[in-house]
Protein backbone atom coordinates (compact mmCIF):
# COMPACT_ATOMS: atom_id res chain seq x y z
CA MET A 1 -8.30 4.66 7.57
CA GLY A 2 -8.41 5.43 4.25
CA HIS A 3 -6.49 1.88 3.03
CA THR A 4 -4.49 4.21 -0.13
CA SER A 5 -2.26 3.04 -2.16
CA ALA A 6 0.81 5.63 -0.54
CA LEU A 7 -0.11 4.98 2.72
CA GLU A 8 0.00 0.99 2.22
CA GLN A 9 3.92 1.68 0.46
CA ARG A 10 4.80 3.61 3.35
CA TYR A 11 3.68 1.57 5.88
CA ARG A 12 6.23 -1.90 4.15
CA ALA A 13 8.86 0.74 3.61
CA ARG A 14 8.83 1.13 7.41
CA GLN A 15 9.02 -2.65 7.79
CA ALA A 16 11.49 -3.83 5.29
CA ARG A 17 14.95 -3.23 6.31
CA GLY A 18 17.62 -4.37 4.69
CA TRP A 19 20.28 -6.78 6.58
CA LEU A 20 22.71 -4.19 6.68
CA ARG A 21 20.85 -1.96 8.15
CA ARG A 22 19.51 -4.06 10.52
CA ALA A 23 23.42 -5.32 11.32
CA LEU A 24 24.22 -1.68 11.91
CA GLU A 25 21.46 -0.60 14.07
CA PRO A 26 22.42 0.87 17.44
CA PRO A 27 20.81 -0.90 20.52
CA ALA A 28 17.71 1.03 21.09
CA PRO A 29 17.69 3.94 23.22
CA PHE A 30 15.43 2.55 26.33
CA VAL A 31 15.13 -0.10 29.43
CA MET A 32 11.75 -1.68 29.45
CA ASN A 33 10.85 -1.08 33.01
CA PRO A 34 11.45 -3.98 35.14
CA ARG A 35 8.53 -3.58 37.47
CA GLU A 36 6.04 -3.38 34.36
CA PRO A 37 4.17 -6.96 34.75
CA THR A 38 4.45 -9.68 31.82
CA ASP A 39 2.51 -12.81 33.79
CA PHE A 40 -0.87 -11.95 33.31
CA PRO A 41 -2.19 -15.96 31.32
CA LEU A 42 -3.18 -17.03 27.52
CA GLY A 43 -5.59 -18.31 26.56
CA ARG A 44 -6.56 -20.91 23.99
CA TRP A 45 -6.74 -17.39 21.71
CA ASN A 46 -4.97 -14.35 22.46
CA LEU A 47 -5.24 -10.99 20.29
CA TYR A 48 -1.66 -9.13 19.07
CA ILE A 49 -2.58 -6.15 17.14
CA GLY A 50 -0.16 -3.78 15.37
CA GLY A 51 2.34 -6.37 15.31
CA ALA A 52 3.49 -5.85 12.09
CA GLY A 53 6.19 -8.34 10.36
CA ARG A 54 7.31 -8.85 13.64
CA ALA A 55 6.84 -13.04 15.72
CA VAL A 56 4.53 -12.59 18.48
CA PRO A 57 3.89 -16.78 19.24
CA GLY A 58 1.04 -17.60 21.23
CA TYR A 59 -1.12 -14.69 19.06
CA VAL A 60 -3.41 -14.14 16.65
CA ASN A 61 -0.87 -11.28 14.57
CA LEU A 62 -3.63 -8.16 12.73
CA ASP A 63 -2.32 -5.21 11.50
CA LEU A 64 -3.61 -2.44 8.70
CA PHE A 65 -1.81 -4.37 5.89
CA PRO A 66 -0.89 -7.56 5.58
CA MET A 67 2.69 -8.38 5.29
CA PRO A 68 4.38 -11.33 6.46
CA GLY A 69 3.91 -12.47 9.84
CA VAL A 70 0.45 -10.82 10.11
CA ASP A 71 -2.59 -13.19 10.40
CA ILE A 72 -5.29 -11.11 9.38
CA ALA A 73 -5.28 -7.48 8.04
CA ALA A 74 -8.01 -5.39 9.17
CA ASP A 75 -8.76 -1.91 10.19
CA ALA A 76 -9.03 -2.25 14.65
CA GLU A 77 -11.53 0.77 14.06
CA GLN A 78 -13.63 -2.92 13.28
CA LEU A 79 -12.49 -6.14 14.34
CA PRO A 80 -13.36 -8.97 12.51
CA PHE A 81 -14.37 -11.13 15.47
CA ALA A 82 -16.96 -12.28 17.59
CA GLY A 83 -16.92 -10.86 21.14
CA GLY A 84 -15.91 -12.33 24.21
CA VAL A 85 -13.06 -14.34 22.08
CA PHE A 86 -9.60 -13.29 23.52
CA GLN A 87 -7.94 -13.80 26.77
CA ARG A 88 -5.83 -11.74 26.18
CA VAL A 89 -5.16 -9.08 23.99
CA GLU A 90 -1.66 -6.75 23.35
CA CYS A 91 -2.20 -3.17 21.41
CA ASP A 92 1.61 -2.16 21.61
CA ALA A 93 1.99 1.12 20.31
CA VAL A 94 -1.16 1.77 18.77
CA LEU A 95 -3.96 4.25 19.36
CA GLU A 96 -1.46 7.03 18.74
CA HIS A 97 -2.17 5.50 14.64
CA VAL A 98 -5.97 5.12 14.81
CA ARG A 99 -8.00 7.91 13.80
CA ASP A 100 -10.79 7.17 16.77
CA ALA A 101 -8.97 5.85 19.58
CA ALA A 102 -12.56 5.63 22.00
CA ARG A 103 -14.21 3.81 19.22
CA VAL A 104 -10.71 1.14 18.78
CA ALA A 105 -11.18 0.79 22.65
CA ALA A 106 -14.09 -0.08 23.01
CA GLU A 107 -13.46 -3.32 19.93
CA LEU A 108 -11.10 -4.21 22.10
CA ARG A 109 -12.78 -4.65 25.19
CA ARG A 110 -15.74 -6.14 23.70
CA VAL A 111 -13.72 -9.05 21.89
CA LEU A 112 -12.04 -9.23 25.56
CA ALA A 113 -12.94 -12.53 27.14
CA PRO A 114 -15.40 -12.63 30.24
CA GLY A 115 -11.78 -13.08 32.41
CA GLY A 116 -9.83 -11.53 30.07
CA TYR A 117 -6.60 -8.87 30.16
CA LEU A 118 -5.76 -5.91 27.23
CA HIS A 119 -2.57 -4.60 27.90
CA LEU A 120 -2.66 -1.25 26.60
CA VAL A 121 1.35 1.18 25.64
CA THR A 122 1.07 4.26 24.55
CA PRO A 123 3.60 7.10 23.84
CA PHE A 124 3.88 10.24 26.22
CA CYS A 125 6.93 12.21 25.31
CA HIS A 126 8.49 11.01 22.25
CA PRO A 127 9.14 12.13 18.86
CA PHE A 128 6.10 12.08 15.95
CA HIS A 129 6.51 9.06 13.93
CA GLU A 130 3.48 8.58 11.21
CA TYR A 131 3.28 4.81 10.99
CA PRO A 132 1.49 5.46 8.46
CA LYS A 133 -0.50 8.53 10.80
CA ASP A 134 0.53 9.74 14.30
CA TYR A 135 -2.17 11.41 16.00
CA ARG A 136 -2.08 12.10 19.93
CA ARG A 137 0.02 11.32 22.48
CA PHE A 138 -1.61 9.87 26.09
CA THR A 139 -0.51 10.34 30.01
CA LEU A 140 -1.80 7.02 32.41
CA ASP A 141 -4.87 9.66 32.86
CA GLY A 142 -5.46 9.47 29.12
CA LEU A 143 -5.45 5.83 29.12
CA LYS A 144 -7.28 5.33 32.04
CA GLN A 145 -10.16 6.68 29.89
CA LEU A 146 -10.78 4.43 27.57
CA ALA A 147 -10.64 1.48 29.96
CA GLY A 148 -14.57 1.27 30.29
CA ASP A 149 -15.72 -1.19 32.77
CA LEU A 150 -12.20 -3.00 32.48
CA GLU A 151 -10.80 -2.43 35.79
CA VAL A 152 -6.92 -1.26 35.66
CA VAL A 153 -4.81 -4.05 37.51
CA ALA A 154 -1.72 -2.58 36.72
CA GLU A 155 -0.36 0.46 35.57
CA GLY A 156 2.97 2.78 35.17
CA TRP A 157 6.10 3.89 32.88
CA ARG A 158 7.79 1.43 30.58
CA THR A 159 10.41 3.29 29.17
CA GLY A 160 11.25 6.89 30.98
CA PRO A 161 13.00 10.43 30.78
CA THR A 162 16.11 9.17 30.00
CA ALA A 163 14.96 6.72 26.75
CA THR A 164 12.64 10.86 26.05
CA LEU A 165 16.03 12.60 25.89
CA LEU A 166 17.67 10.59 23.78
CA VAL A 167 15.12 10.31 21.02
CA VAL A 168 14.27 13.94 21.10
CA GLY A 169 17.80 14.53 21.25
CA ILE A 170 18.72 12.26 18.90
CA GLU A 171 15.68 13.48 16.14
CA TYR A 172 16.20 17.54 17.47
CA VAL A 173 20.33 17.20 15.71
CA LYS A 174 18.94 14.87 12.57
CA GLY A 175 16.07 17.79 11.86
CA LEU A 176 19.40 20.37 11.95
CA LEU A 177 20.80 18.16 8.78
CA PRO A 178 20.16 19.08 5.45
CA TRP A 179 20.48 16.14 3.50
CA ARG A 180 19.05 12.23 4.20
CA TRP A 181 22.08 10.38 3.74
CA TRP A 182 23.95 12.68 6.70
CA ARG A 183 20.75 12.50 9.15
CA GLY A 184 21.09 8.44 8.80
CA GLY A 185 24.70 8.61 9.90
CA VAL A 186 24.11 10.41 12.07
CA HIS A 187 21.45 8.36 13.66
CA PHE A 188 23.85 5.83 13.82
CA ALA A 189 26.62 7.58 15.59
CA LEU A 190 24.99 9.11 17.98
CA GLY A 191 22.61 5.76 18.93
CA TRP A 192 26.05 4.12 19.17
CA LEU A 193 27.69 6.85 21.64
CA LEU A 194 24.68 7.79 23.74
CA PHE A 195 22.81 4.19 24.12
CA PRO A 196 24.70 3.39 27.26
CA LEU A 197 22.89 6.42 28.99
CA ARG A 198 19.67 4.27 29.13
CA TYR A 199 20.59 2.25 32.10
CA LEU A 200 20.02 5.64 34.00
CA ASP A 201 16.30 5.08 33.54
CA LEU A 202 16.91 1.82 36.17
CA PRO A 203 16.86 4.09 39.01
CA LEU A 204 14.33 6.81 37.82
CA LEU A 205 11.30 4.36 36.74
CA LYS A 206 11.19 3.63 40.66
CA THR A 207 10.24 6.95 41.46
CA PRO A 208 6.93 8.44 40.60
CA ARG A 209 8.92 11.06 39.03
CA ALA A 210 9.01 8.89 35.88
CA GLY A 211 6.33 9.81 35.05
CA ARG A 212 6.57 14.02 34.00
CA ILE A 213 8.45 13.79 31.14
CA GLY A 214 8.41 9.25 30.61
CA ASN A 215 8.66 8.22 27.09
CA HIS A 216 5.36 5.29 27.33
CA CYS A 217 3.12 4.28 29.60
CA TYR A 218 0.83 0.95 29.72
CA LEU A 219 -2.13 -0.11 31.75
CA TRP A 220 -3.37 -3.67 32.52
CA LEU A 221 -6.60 -4.32 32.64
CA ARG A 222 -9.11 -7.38 33.21
CA LYS A 223 -12.65 -7.79 32.56
CA ALA A 224 -15.12 -8.71 35.28
CA ALA A 225 -15.40 -13.01 34.72
């Protein structure tokens, strides 16, 4: 990726939210699939790709640019680590933003320790979002093409069809409006009005139909010991 000042400014602006906006921000328009596994073991060293300014306890937090909460600023296409270091690697909603997803996946497999776990999460039916760029979407079959020789130990949909309808619907209405402050107002108003509908995904995520217009999918992969 080109580490230009313009991209860095956009990236930082996405992270910098004032206290008032955080207070007014509506609940997320999705619920997480309660059936997605979360208990795969952490090791002494674990890696989180794309954590930005979030707190990720137990992980080395790597992101593209330095900012509060980021331990190492580096490009995921060339990770600055020796091979076989990390017991668990989290790559959550990152692969759609990198230029070469296959190369990043190869790097993640390289730094994963024998017996370790790699967690991939990517969007499928989700609006365009530059962070700092947005290149692609994935199905579960598409994600599996990046697994290489890792074993698939769990797969499924993290967020479901209702989340897709809500995020796309809100973006559609915002797209009809000419002024930014109108769009911001609609984002908050519709977010608060519609978020209770997200719970419709709880029964839908139990069915195979969830993937027809699912929002985000996931894989858990294991490296042979």
